[in-house]
Amino acid sequence: MKAAQSVVGAVMVGALLLSGCGVTNNHDKVIRDAVANRVFLYQTPGANDATLQVVRENGYFGGGCSSQILIDDKFAAQLETGEQVSFSVPSGAHVVTLQNSGACHKPGSDAQVQATLAPGETTQLAVNKWGSSLSQVKR
């Protein structure tokens, strides 16, 4: 009897923990700014800077992982699903790299973008909802 109660209890706890995994709502449709304690570099604009914006798409598929954004091999920010961050980077050439932690699969070979920005220019990069690719948004 005690063993059966333990099994039933474990199943109920598991069901409660998993109940939100496949649910979408308005939270999953809105892109939010990343919280300040996960943004580390390039937040103060300078003369001749350009803007580099990185947006991680929404979707419950990537909810168990974080996307680390590196700019020129420096850890610049950590994004969760449905978040964006803007960086004021010096104009010129930059290499932006995506790395993941948590439940995400390892990024593929398309997890790095080279961007050359002119002073005042804005470039947007997108991380897909799985956290597996980084690409430049065409305008």
C-alpha atoms as a PDB file:
ATOM      1  CA  MET A   1       0.000   0.000   0.000  1.00  0.00           C
ATOM      2  CA  LYS A   2       2.776   2.396   0.951  1.00  0.00           C
ATOM      3  CA  ALA A   3       4.666   1.669  -2.297  1.00  0.00           C
ATOM      4  CA  ALA A   4       1.546   2.370  -4.385  1.00  0.00           C
ATOM      5  CA  GLN A   5       1.043   5.705  -2.589  1.00  0.00           C
ATOM      6  CA  SER A   6       4.675   6.632  -3.279  1.00  0.00           C
ATOM      7  CA  VAL A   7       4.305   5.852  -6.984  1.00  0.00           C
ATOM      8  CA  VAL A   8       1.057   7.834  -7.247  1.00  0.00           C
ATOM      9  CA  GLY A   9       2.670  10.756  -5.409  1.00  0.00           C
ATOM     10  CA  ALA A  10       5.709  10.704  -7.674  1.00  0.00           C
ATOM     11  CA  VAL A  11       3.526  10.625 -10.808  1.00  0.00           C
ATOM     12  CA  MET A  12       1.472  13.587  -9.550  1.00  0.00           C
ATOM     13  CA  VAL A  13       4.579  15.636  -8.746  1.00  0.00           C
ATOM     14  CA  GLY A  14       6.024  14.839 -12.176  1.00  0.00           C
ATOM     15  CA  ALA A  15       2.788  15.825 -13.906  1.00  0.00           C
ATOM     16  CA  LEU A  16       2.705  19.130 -12.048  1.00  0.00           C
ATOM     17  CA  LEU A  17       6.326  19.887 -12.944  1.00  0.00           C
ATOM     18  CA  LEU A  18       5.763  19.160 -16.624  1.00  0.00           C
ATOM     19  CA  SER A  19       2.363  20.800 -16.956  1.00  0.00           C
ATOM     20  CA  GLY A  20       3.753  24.153 -18.097  1.00  0.00           C
ATOM     21  CA  CYS A  21       6.313  22.852 -20.613  1.00  0.00           C
ATOM     22  CA  GLY A  22       4.098  22.843 -23.707  1.00  0.00           C
ATOM     23  CA  VAL A  23       1.874  25.779 -22.865  1.00  0.00           C
ATOM     24  CA  THR A  24       2.038  29.040 -24.788  1.00  0.00           C
ATOM     25  CA  ASN A  25       0.452  32.338 -23.804  1.00  0.00           C
ATOM     26  CA  ASN A  26       1.014  36.069 -24.325  1.00  0.00           C
ATOM     27  CA  HIS A  27       4.297  35.808 -22.446  1.00  0.00           C
ATOM     28  CA  ASP A  28       5.474  33.566 -25.287  1.00  0.00           C
ATOM     29  CA  LYS A  29       4.557  36.105 -27.968  1.00  0.00           C
ATOM     30  CA  VAL A  30       6.211  39.241 -26.579  1.00  0.00           C
ATOM     31  CA  ILE A  31       9.923  40.021 -26.867  1.00  0.00           C
ATOM     32  CA  ARG A  32      11.265  41.541 -23.648  1.00  0.00           C
ATOM     33  CA  ASP A  33      14.506  43.298 -22.785  1.00  0.00           C
ATOM     34  CA  ALA A  34      17.014  41.053 -21.050  1.00  0.00           C
ATOM     35  CA  VAL A  35      17.320  41.815 -17.362  1.00  0.00           C
ATOM     36  CA  ALA A  36      20.253  44.055 -16.442  1.00  0.00           C
ATOM     37  CA  ASN A  37      22.068  41.463 -14.325  1.00  0.00           C
ATOM     38  CA  ARG A  38      22.562  39.300 -17.453  1.00  0.00           C
ATOM     39  CA  VAL A  39      23.946  42.075 -19.689  1.00  0.00           C
ATOM     40  CA  PHE A  40      27.650  42.688 -19.155  1.00  0.00           C
ATOM     41  CA  LEU A  41      29.258  44.747 -21.930  1.00  0.00           C
ATOM     42  CA  TYR A  42      28.746  47.637 -24.358  1.00  0.00           C
ATOM     43  CA  GLN A  43      25.902  49.393 -22.557  1.00  0.00           C
ATOM     44  CA  THR A  44      27.316  52.953 -22.592  1.00  0.00           C
ATOM     45  CA  PRO A  45      27.183  54.655 -26.023  1.00  0.00           C
ATOM     46  CA  GLY A  46      30.363  56.300 -27.235  1.00  0.00           C
ATOM     47  CA  ALA A  47      31.375  58.529 -30.118  1.00  0.00           C
ATOM     48  CA  ASN A  48      31.304  56.720 -33.475  1.00  0.00           C
ATOM     49  CA  ASP A  49      29.585  53.662 -31.992  1.00  0.00           C
ATOM     50  CA  ALA A  50      27.154  51.415 -33.826  1.00  0.00           C
ATOM     51  CA  THR A  51      24.231  49.449 -32.404  1.00  0.00           C
ATOM     52  CA  LEU A  52      24.158  45.682 -32.426  1.00  0.00           C
ATOM     53  CA  GLN A  53      20.807  44.195 -31.401  1.00  0.00           C
ATOM     54  CA  VAL A  54      20.408  40.482 -30.618  1.00  0.00           C
ATOM     55  CA  VAL A  55      16.917  38.970 -30.332  1.00  0.00           C
ATOM     56  CA  ARG A  56      16.189  35.432 -29.144  1.00  0.00           C
ATOM     57  CA  GLU A  57      12.915  34.157 -30.606  1.00  0.00           C
ATOM     58  CA  ASN A  58      10.087  32.946 -28.416  1.00  0.00           C
ATOM     59  CA  GLY A  59       8.970  29.363 -28.171  1.00  0.00           C
ATOM     60  CA  TYR A  60       8.740  26.711 -25.539  1.00  0.00           C
ATOM     61  CA  PHE A  61      11.259  24.547 -27.385  1.00  0.00           C
ATOM     62  CA  GLY A  62      14.156  26.607 -26.026  1.00  0.00           C
ATOM     63  CA  GLY A  63      12.776  27.307 -22.584  1.00  0.00           C
ATOM     64  CA  GLY A  64      15.261  25.080 -20.787  1.00  0.00           C
ATOM     65  CA  CYS A  65      18.410  26.725 -22.049  1.00  0.00           C
ATOM     66  CA  SER A  66      20.262  30.012 -21.986  1.00  0.00           C
ATOM     67  CA  SER A  67      22.058  31.618 -24.911  1.00  0.00           C
ATOM     68  CA  GLN A  68      25.366  33.276 -24.155  1.00  0.00           C
ATOM     69  CA  ILE A  69      26.312  36.046 -26.560  1.00  0.00           C
ATOM     70  CA  LEU A  70      30.004  36.742 -27.072  1.00  0.00           C
ATOM     71  CA  ILE A  71      31.267  39.771 -28.966  1.00  0.00           C
ATOM     72  CA  ASP A  72      34.871  39.453 -30.119  1.00  0.00           C
ATOM     73  CA  ASP A  73      35.337  36.534 -27.671  1.00  0.00           C
ATOM     74  CA  LYS A  74      34.071  38.579 -24.684  1.00  0.00           C
ATOM     75  CA  PHE A  75      31.006  37.391 -22.729  1.00  0.00           C
ATOM     76  CA  ALA A  76      28.520  40.219 -23.425  1.00  0.00           C
ATOM     77  CA  ALA A  77      25.110  38.857 -22.313  1.00  0.00           C
ATOM     78  CA  GLN A  78      22.982  35.860 -21.485  1.00  0.00           C
ATOM     79  CA  LEU A  79      19.572  35.637 -23.169  1.00  0.00           C
ATOM     80  CA  GLU A  80      16.587  33.523 -22.268  1.00  0.00           C
ATOM     81  CA  THR A  81      13.834  32.679 -24.748  1.00  0.00           C
ATOM     82  CA  GLY A  82      11.900  35.784 -25.868  1.00  0.00           C
ATOM     83  CA  GLU A  83      14.554  38.324 -24.851  1.00  0.00           C
ATOM     84  CA  GLN A  84      16.526  40.989 -26.661  1.00  0.00           C
ATOM     85  CA  VAL A  85      19.555  43.114 -25.896  1.00  0.00           C
ATOM     86  CA  SER A  86      21.189  46.096 -27.603  1.00  0.00           C
ATOM     87  CA  PHE A  87      24.909  46.799 -27.526  1.00  0.00           C
ATOM     88  CA  SER A  88      26.725  50.057 -28.332  1.00  0.00           C
ATOM     89  CA  VAL A  89      29.832  48.685 -30.006  1.00  0.00           C
ATOM     90  CA  PRO A  90      32.717  50.570 -31.595  1.00  0.00           C
ATOM     91  CA  SER A  91      32.225  50.837 -35.349  1.00  0.00           C
ATOM     92  CA  GLY A  92      34.163  48.317 -37.397  1.00  0.00           C
ATOM     93  CA  ALA A  93      34.312  44.539 -37.712  1.00  0.00           C
ATOM     94  CA  HIS A  94      33.017  42.276 -34.943  1.00  0.00           C
ATOM     95  CA  VAL A  95      32.533  38.540 -34.481  1.00  0.00           C
ATOM     96  CA  VAL A  96      29.371  37.607 -32.570  1.00  0.00           C
ATOM     97  CA  THR A  97      29.229  34.059 -31.232  1.00  0.00           C
ATOM     98  CA  LEU A  98      26.369  32.049 -29.728  1.00  0.00           C
ATOM     99  CA  GLN A  99      27.054  29.503 -26.990  1.00  0.00           C
ATOM    100  CA  ASN A 100      24.437  27.591 -25.010  1.00  0.00           C
ATOM    101  CA  SER A 101      24.003  26.145 -21.564  1.00  0.00           C
ATOM    102  CA  GLY A 102      21.216  24.110 -20.033  1.00  0.00           C
ATOM    103  CA  ALA A 103      19.034  21.757 -22.057  1.00  0.00           C
ATOM    104  CA  CYS A 104      19.931  23.172 -25.496  1.00  0.00           C
ATOM    105  CA  HIS A 105      21.829  21.144 -27.987  1.00  0.00           C
ATOM    106  CA  LYS A 106      25.245  22.337 -28.942  1.00  0.00           C
ATOM    107  CA  PRO A 107      25.027  25.115 -31.581  1.00  0.00           C
ATOM    108  CA  GLY A 108      25.880  24.158 -35.122  1.00  0.00           C
ATOM    109  CA  SER A 109      28.438  25.757 -37.400  1.00  0.00           C
ATOM    110  CA  ASP A 110      26.023  28.630 -38.035  1.00  0.00           C
ATOM    111  CA  ALA A 111      26.395  29.912 -34.459  1.00  0.00           C
ATOM    112  CA  GLN A 112      28.748  32.741 -35.390  1.00  0.00           C
ATOM    113  CA  VAL A 113      28.210  35.936 -37.403  1.00  0.00           C
ATOM    114  CA  GLN A 114      30.742  38.442 -38.658  1.00  0.00           C
ATOM    115  CA  ALA A 115      29.346  41.968 -38.815  1.00  0.00           C
ATOM    116  CA  THR A 116      30.994  45.176 -40.001  1.00  0.00           C
ATOM    117  CA  LEU A 117      29.177  48.261 -38.720  1.00  0.00           C
ATOM    118  CA  ALA A 118      29.561  51.904 -39.697  1.00  0.00           C
ATOM    119  CA  PRO A 119      29.219  54.672 -37.088  1.00  0.00           C
ATOM    120  CA  GLY A 120      25.523  55.120 -36.248  1.00  0.00           C
ATOM    121  CA  GLU A 121      24.490  51.935 -38.069  1.00  0.00           C
ATOM    122  CA  THR A 122      22.163  49.371 -36.457  1.00  0.00           C
ATOM    123  CA  THR A 123      22.386  45.655 -37.201  1.00  0.00           C
ATOM    124  CA  GLN A 124      20.026  43.014 -35.832  1.00  0.00           C
ATOM    125  CA  LEU A 125      20.918  39.391 -35.187  1.00  0.00           C
ATOM    126  CA  ALA A 126      18.451  36.606 -34.401  1.00  0.00           C
ATOM    127  CA  VAL A 127      18.822  33.491 -32.259  1.00  0.00           C
ATOM    128  CA  ASN A 128      16.214  30.886 -33.214  1.00  0.00           C
ATOM    129  CA  LYS A 129      13.802  29.506 -30.618  1.00  0.00           C
ATOM    130  CA  TRP A 130      15.867  26.348 -30.163  1.00  0.00           C
ATOM    131  CA  GLY A 131      18.981  28.397 -29.402  1.00  0.00           C
ATOM    132  CA  SER A 132      20.854  26.524 -32.137  1.00  0.00           C
ATOM    133  CA  SER A 133      21.596  29.221 -34.720  1.00  0.00           C
ATOM    134  CA  LEU A 134      22.551  32.866 -35.001  1.00  0.00           C
ATOM    135  CA  SER A 135      21.845  34.843 -38.152  1.00  0.00           C
ATOM    136  CA  GLN A 136      21.821  38.405 -39.394  1.00  0.00           C
ATOM    137  CA  VAL A 137      18.341  39.781 -40.018  1.00  0.00           C
ATOM    138  CA  LYS A 138      17.911  41.034 -43.573  1.00  0.00           C
ATOM    139  CA  ARG A 139      16.245  44.425 -43.940  1.00  0.00           C
END
